[in-house]
Amino acid sequence: MLLHYLIGVVFIMHGLAHLSGMMAAFTARDVGFSDKPWLFSTGATLRSPIGQLFGLVWLAAAIALVGSILSLIAIVPWWNTVVPGARAGAAFDGLMLIGLVAPWSEQVMAALGV
């Protein structure tokens, strides 16, 4: 039972961490992101309209059931700008997605009692 709470806390913290991407796009508050452009060109930064659109994707990832997919969509284009914790979060997202589609996922979920 304690494991369920621990897993829940990890998911909640991961979801809340997405709010930093939204804050970086819409506020002047320093949340650790750099002003480097995204991976696809040199003209778009997090505070540009494209960056703000992705800030909304980060917000959606914080509250969505498909948050892992949205999180990766939000993080990968901004890989050069995000804080190290966001990169760790992307790894977590990838592991979650692999765990959900892997052949052994049903056995793992059953073992966790989920």
N, C-alpha and C. Protein backbone atom coordinates (compact mmCIF):
# COMPACT_ATOMS: atom_id res chain seq x y z
N MET A 1 0.82 -1.19 0.00
CA MET A 1 0.00 0.00 0.00
C MET A 1 0.86 1.26 0.00
N LEU A 2 1.95 1.24 0.73
CA LEU A 2 2.85 2.38 0.76
C LEU A 2 3.43 2.65 -0.63
N LEU A 3 3.68 1.59 -1.39
CA LEU A 3 4.21 1.74 -2.74
C LEU A 3 3.25 2.51 -3.63
N HIS A 4 1.94 2.29 -3.46
CA HIS A 4 0.95 3.04 -4.24
C HIS A 4 1.04 4.53 -3.96
N TYR A 5 1.19 4.89 -2.69
CA TYR A 5 1.31 6.30 -2.34
C TYR A 5 2.59 6.90 -2.90
N LEU A 6 3.67 6.15 -2.82
CA LEU A 6 4.95 6.62 -3.34
C LEU A 6 4.86 6.85 -4.85
N ILE A 7 4.26 5.92 -5.57
CA ILE A 7 4.09 6.08 -7.02
C ILE A 7 3.21 7.29 -7.31
N GLY A 8 2.16 7.46 -6.54
CA GLY A 8 1.28 8.61 -6.71
C GLY A 8 2.00 9.92 -6.49
N VAL A 9 2.82 10.00 -5.47
CA VAL A 9 3.59 11.22 -5.20
C VAL A 9 4.55 11.52 -6.35
N VAL A 10 5.21 10.49 -6.87
CA VAL A 10 6.13 10.69 -8.00
C VAL A 10 5.38 11.25 -9.21
N PHE A 11 4.20 10.70 -9.51
CA PHE A 11 3.41 11.20 -10.64
C PHE A 11 2.96 12.64 -10.41
N ILE A 12 2.53 12.96 -9.22
CA ILE A 12 2.09 14.33 -8.92
C ILE A 12 3.26 15.30 -9.05
N MET A 13 4.40 14.94 -8.50
CA MET A 13 5.58 15.83 -8.60
C MET A 13 6.00 16.01 -10.05
N HIS A 14 5.95 14.94 -10.83
CA HIS A 14 6.31 15.03 -12.24
C HIS A 14 5.34 15.97 -12.98
N GLY A 15 4.05 15.83 -12.69
CA GLY A 15 3.07 16.72 -13.31
C GLY A 15 3.29 18.18 -12.92
N LEU A 16 3.56 18.43 -11.66
CA LEU A 16 3.81 19.79 -11.22
C LEU A 16 5.08 20.39 -11.83
N ALA A 17 6.05 19.54 -12.11
CA ALA A 17 7.30 20.03 -12.72
C ALA A 17 7.05 20.60 -14.11
N HIS A 18 5.99 20.13 -14.78
CA HIS A 18 5.68 20.67 -16.11
C HIS A 18 5.29 22.15 -16.05
N LEU A 19 4.85 22.60 -14.91
CA LEU A 19 4.46 24.00 -14.78
C LEU A 19 5.64 24.94 -15.01
N SER A 20 6.86 24.46 -14.78
CA SER A 20 8.02 25.33 -15.01
C SER A 20 8.17 25.67 -16.49
N GLY A 21 7.83 24.75 -17.38
CA GLY A 21 7.88 25.04 -18.82
C GLY A 21 6.88 26.11 -19.20
N MET A 22 5.70 26.05 -18.62
CA MET A 22 4.69 27.07 -18.88
C MET A 22 5.13 28.41 -18.32
N MET A 23 5.69 28.39 -17.12
CA MET A 23 6.15 29.65 -16.50
C MET A 23 7.29 30.26 -17.30
N ALA A 24 8.19 29.44 -17.82
CA ALA A 24 9.31 29.96 -18.62
C ALA A 24 8.82 30.63 -19.89
N ALA A 25 7.72 30.15 -20.45
CA ALA A 25 7.20 30.71 -21.70
C ALA A 25 6.39 31.98 -21.48
N PHE A 26 5.73 32.12 -20.34
CA PHE A 26 4.79 33.22 -20.15
C PHE A 26 5.19 34.26 -19.11
N THR A 27 6.24 34.01 -18.35
CA THR A 27 6.62 34.98 -17.32
C THR A 27 8.10 35.31 -17.46
N ALA A 28 8.50 36.37 -16.81
CA ALA A 28 9.91 36.75 -16.79
C ALA A 28 10.64 36.10 -15.63
N ARG A 29 9.94 35.33 -14.84
CA ARG A 29 10.53 34.65 -13.68
C ARG A 29 11.58 33.65 -14.14
N ASP A 30 12.71 33.64 -13.47
CA ASP A 30 13.78 32.71 -13.80
C ASP A 30 13.48 31.36 -13.17
N VAL A 31 13.15 30.39 -14.03
CA VAL A 31 12.88 29.03 -13.54
C VAL A 31 13.95 28.07 -14.03
N GLY A 32 15.08 28.61 -14.50
CA GLY A 32 16.22 27.79 -14.87
C GLY A 32 16.39 27.53 -16.35
N PHE A 33 15.42 27.89 -17.18
CA PHE A 33 15.53 27.66 -18.62
C PHE A 33 16.43 28.74 -19.23
N SER A 34 17.09 28.40 -20.32
CA SER A 34 17.95 29.38 -20.99
C SER A 34 17.16 30.09 -22.08
N ASP A 35 17.77 31.11 -22.67
CA ASP A 35 17.14 31.84 -23.77
C ASP A 35 17.58 31.32 -25.13
N LYS A 36 18.15 30.14 -25.18
CA LYS A 36 18.57 29.56 -26.45
C LYS A 36 17.36 29.24 -27.31
N PRO A 37 17.54 29.22 -28.63
CA PRO A 37 16.43 28.85 -29.51
C PRO A 37 16.16 27.35 -29.46
N TRP A 38 15.02 26.98 -29.98
CA TRP A 38 14.67 25.57 -30.00
C TRP A 38 15.49 24.83 -31.05
N LEU A 39 15.31 23.53 -31.19
CA LEU A 39 16.16 22.70 -32.04
C LEU A 39 15.95 22.92 -33.53
N PHE A 40 14.79 23.43 -33.94
CA PHE A 40 14.45 23.45 -35.36
C PHE A 40 14.86 24.71 -36.11
N SER A 41 15.16 25.80 -35.42
CA SER A 41 15.64 27.02 -36.08
C SER A 41 16.25 27.93 -35.03
N THR A 42 16.78 29.05 -35.47
CA THR A 42 17.39 29.97 -34.51
C THR A 42 16.46 31.11 -34.12
N GLY A 43 15.28 31.19 -34.73
CA GLY A 43 14.40 32.32 -34.48
C GLY A 43 13.41 32.15 -33.34
N ALA A 44 13.15 30.96 -32.89
CA ALA A 44 12.12 30.74 -31.88
C ALA A 44 12.74 30.47 -30.52
N THR A 45 12.33 31.25 -29.55
CA THR A 45 12.73 31.05 -28.16
C THR A 45 11.49 30.72 -27.35
N LEU A 46 11.67 30.40 -26.09
CA LEU A 46 10.52 30.05 -25.26
C LEU A 46 9.53 31.20 -25.10
N ARG A 47 9.98 32.44 -25.20
CA ARG A 47 9.07 33.57 -25.02
C ARG A 47 8.47 34.04 -26.35
N SER A 48 8.80 33.37 -27.44
CA SER A 48 8.21 33.68 -28.74
C SER A 48 6.83 33.04 -28.82
N PRO A 49 6.02 33.39 -29.81
CA PRO A 49 4.70 32.74 -29.93
C PRO A 49 4.77 31.22 -30.01
N ILE A 50 5.75 30.69 -30.72
CA ILE A 50 5.89 29.23 -30.79
C ILE A 50 6.23 28.68 -29.40
N GLY A 51 7.12 29.34 -28.71
CA GLY A 51 7.48 28.91 -27.36
C GLY A 51 6.29 28.96 -26.42
N GLN A 52 5.47 29.99 -26.55
CA GLN A 52 4.28 30.08 -25.70
C GLN A 52 3.27 29.00 -26.04
N LEU A 53 3.17 28.64 -27.31
CA LEU A 53 2.30 27.52 -27.67
C LEU A 53 2.77 26.24 -26.98
N PHE A 54 4.09 26.01 -26.98
CA PHE A 54 4.63 24.85 -26.29
C PHE A 54 4.49 24.97 -24.78
N GLY A 55 4.48 26.20 -24.26
CA GLY A 55 4.20 26.39 -22.85
C GLY A 55 2.81 25.87 -22.50
N LEU A 56 1.86 26.07 -23.41
CA LEU A 56 0.51 25.52 -23.20
C LEU A 56 0.52 24.00 -23.27
N VAL A 57 1.40 23.44 -24.12
CA VAL A 57 1.53 21.98 -24.18
C VAL A 57 2.07 21.47 -22.84
N TRP A 58 3.04 22.20 -22.27
CA TRP A 58 3.55 21.82 -20.95
C TRP A 58 2.45 21.86 -19.91
N LEU A 59 1.61 22.88 -19.97
CA LEU A 59 0.49 22.98 -19.04
C LEU A 59 -0.47 21.81 -19.23
N ALA A 60 -0.78 21.49 -20.47
CA ALA A 60 -1.67 20.36 -20.75
C ALA A 60 -1.07 19.06 -20.24
N ALA A 61 0.25 18.91 -20.39
CA ALA A 61 0.91 17.69 -19.92
C ALA A 61 0.82 17.57 -18.40
N ALA A 62 0.75 18.71 -17.72
CA ALA A 62 0.65 18.68 -16.26
C ALA A 62 -0.70 18.14 -15.80
N ILE A 63 -1.74 18.27 -16.64
CA ILE A 63 -3.07 17.88 -16.19
C ILE A 63 -3.69 16.75 -17.02
N ALA A 64 -3.01 16.29 -18.06
CA ALA A 64 -3.60 15.32 -18.97
C ALA A 64 -3.26 13.88 -18.60
N LEU A 65 -4.16 12.97 -18.99
CA LEU A 65 -3.89 11.54 -18.79
C LEU A 65 -2.80 11.04 -19.72
N VAL A 66 -2.63 11.69 -20.86
CA VAL A 66 -1.58 11.29 -21.80
C VAL A 66 -0.38 12.22 -21.62
N GLY A 67 -0.15 12.59 -20.39
CA GLY A 67 0.90 13.55 -20.06
C GLY A 67 2.28 13.13 -20.51
N SER A 68 2.58 11.85 -20.50
CA SER A 68 3.92 11.41 -20.90
C SER A 68 4.19 11.74 -22.36
N ILE A 69 3.20 11.52 -23.21
CA ILE A 69 3.37 11.83 -24.64
C ILE A 69 3.47 13.34 -24.82
N LEU A 70 2.57 14.09 -24.19
CA LEU A 70 2.61 15.55 -24.30
C LEU A 70 3.91 16.11 -23.73
N SER A 71 4.37 15.52 -22.65
CA SER A 71 5.61 15.97 -22.05
C SER A 71 6.78 15.83 -23.02
N LEU A 72 6.88 14.69 -23.68
CA LEU A 72 7.95 14.49 -24.66
C LEU A 72 7.81 15.46 -25.83
N ILE A 73 6.57 15.70 -26.28
CA ILE A 73 6.35 16.66 -27.36
C ILE A 73 6.80 18.05 -26.94
N ALA A 74 6.60 18.39 -25.68
CA ALA A 74 6.99 19.71 -25.19
C ALA A 74 8.49 19.82 -24.95
N ILE A 75 9.13 18.78 -24.48
CA ILE A 75 10.53 18.87 -24.08
C ILE A 75 11.51 18.70 -25.23
N VAL A 76 11.28 17.74 -26.11
CA VAL A 76 12.27 17.40 -27.13
C VAL A 76 12.66 18.60 -28.01
N PRO A 77 11.72 19.41 -28.54
CA PRO A 77 12.16 20.54 -29.37
C PRO A 77 12.99 21.58 -28.61
N TRP A 78 12.82 21.63 -27.30
CA TRP A 78 13.52 22.62 -26.48
C TRP A 78 14.66 21.99 -25.68
N TRP A 79 15.18 20.87 -26.16
CA TRP A 79 16.20 20.11 -25.44
C TRP A 79 17.39 20.98 -25.03
N ASN A 80 17.78 21.93 -25.87
CA ASN A 80 18.94 22.78 -25.57
C ASN A 80 18.65 23.82 -24.49
N THR A 81 17.39 24.07 -24.18
CA THR A 81 17.05 25.15 -23.25
C THR A 81 16.58 24.66 -21.89
N VAL A 82 16.08 23.43 -21.82
CA VAL A 82 15.45 22.97 -20.58
C VAL A 82 16.47 22.69 -19.48
N VAL A 83 15.96 22.72 -18.27
CA VAL A 83 16.80 22.44 -17.10
C VAL A 83 17.09 20.93 -17.05
N PRO A 84 18.15 20.52 -16.37
CA PRO A 84 18.47 19.08 -16.30
C PRO A 84 17.33 18.23 -15.75
N GLY A 85 16.55 18.79 -14.84
CA GLY A 85 15.42 18.04 -14.31
C GLY A 85 14.39 17.70 -15.37
N ALA A 86 14.23 18.57 -16.36
CA ALA A 86 13.30 18.29 -17.46
C ALA A 86 13.81 17.14 -18.31
N ARG A 87 15.11 17.07 -18.49
CA ARG A 87 15.68 15.94 -19.23
C ARG A 87 15.47 14.64 -18.47
N ALA A 88 15.62 14.69 -17.15
CA ALA A 88 15.34 13.51 -16.34
C ALA A 88 13.86 13.16 -16.43
N GLY A 89 13.01 14.18 -16.48
CA GLY A 89 11.58 13.94 -16.64
C GLY A 89 11.26 13.29 -17.97
N ALA A 90 11.98 13.69 -19.02
CA ALA A 90 11.78 13.07 -20.34
C ALA A 90 12.17 11.60 -20.29
N ALA A 91 13.25 11.30 -19.58
CA ALA A 91 13.64 9.89 -19.42
C ALA A 91 12.55 9.12 -18.67
N PHE A 92 12.00 9.74 -17.64
CA PHE A 92 10.90 9.14 -16.88
C PHE A 92 9.70 8.90 -17.80
N ASP A 93 9.37 9.89 -18.64
CA ASP A 93 8.27 9.74 -19.58
C ASP A 93 8.51 8.55 -20.51
N GLY A 94 9.71 8.48 -21.04
CA GLY A 94 10.04 7.38 -21.94
C GLY A 94 9.91 6.03 -21.27
N LEU A 95 10.40 5.95 -20.04
CA LEU A 95 10.28 4.69 -19.29
C LEU A 95 8.82 4.34 -19.02
N MET A 96 8.02 5.35 -18.71
CA MET A 96 6.59 5.10 -18.46
C MET A 96 5.92 4.58 -19.71
N LEU A 97 6.23 5.19 -20.86
CA LEU A 97 5.61 4.74 -22.11
C LEU A 97 6.06 3.33 -22.48
N ILE A 98 7.34 3.06 -22.30
CA ILE A 98 7.85 1.70 -22.57
C ILE A 98 7.16 0.71 -21.64
N GLY A 99 7.03 1.09 -20.37
CA GLY A 99 6.38 0.21 -19.41
C GLY A 99 4.92 -0.06 -19.73
N LEU A 100 4.26 0.91 -20.33
CA LEU A 100 2.84 0.73 -20.65
C LEU A 100 2.61 -0.13 -21.89
N VAL A 101 3.57 -0.14 -22.82
CA VAL A 101 3.36 -0.89 -24.05
C VAL A 101 4.18 -2.18 -24.10
N ALA A 102 5.03 -2.39 -23.14
CA ALA A 102 5.87 -3.59 -23.13
C ALA A 102 5.01 -4.83 -22.90
N PRO A 103 5.45 -5.98 -23.42
CA PRO A 103 4.68 -7.21 -23.25
C PRO A 103 4.47 -7.59 -21.78
N TRP A 104 5.37 -7.19 -20.92
CA TRP A 104 5.27 -7.57 -19.52
C TRP A 104 4.53 -6.53 -18.68
N SER A 105 3.95 -5.50 -19.29
CA SER A 105 3.33 -4.41 -18.54
C SER A 105 2.18 -4.89 -17.66
N GLU A 106 1.39 -5.84 -18.14
CA GLU A 106 0.27 -6.33 -17.33
C GLU A 106 0.76 -7.04 -16.07
N GLN A 107 1.86 -7.77 -16.18
CA GLN A 107 2.39 -8.46 -15.00
C GLN A 107 2.94 -7.44 -13.99
N VAL A 108 3.60 -6.41 -14.48
CA VAL A 108 4.15 -5.39 -13.58
C VAL A 108 3.01 -4.66 -12.88
N MET A 109 1.98 -4.27 -13.63
CA MET A 109 0.84 -3.56 -13.03
C MET A 109 0.14 -4.44 -12.00
N ALA A 110 -0.01 -5.73 -12.30
CA ALA A 110 -0.64 -6.64 -11.35
C ALA A 110 0.20 -6.79 -10.09
N ALA A 111 1.52 -6.84 -10.26
CA ALA A 111 2.41 -6.98 -9.11
C ALA A 111 2.33 -5.74 -8.22
N LEU A 112 2.13 -4.57 -8.84
CA LEU A 112 2.02 -3.33 -8.08
C LEU A 112 0.61 -3.15 -7.51
N GLY A 113 -0.31 -3.97 -7.97
CA GLY A 113 -1.67 -3.86 -7.49
C GLY A 113 -2.44 -2.72 -8.12
N VAL A 114 -2.02 -2.35 -9.33
CA VAL A 114 -2.66 -1.21 -10.02
C VAL A 114 -3.66 -1.73 -11.02
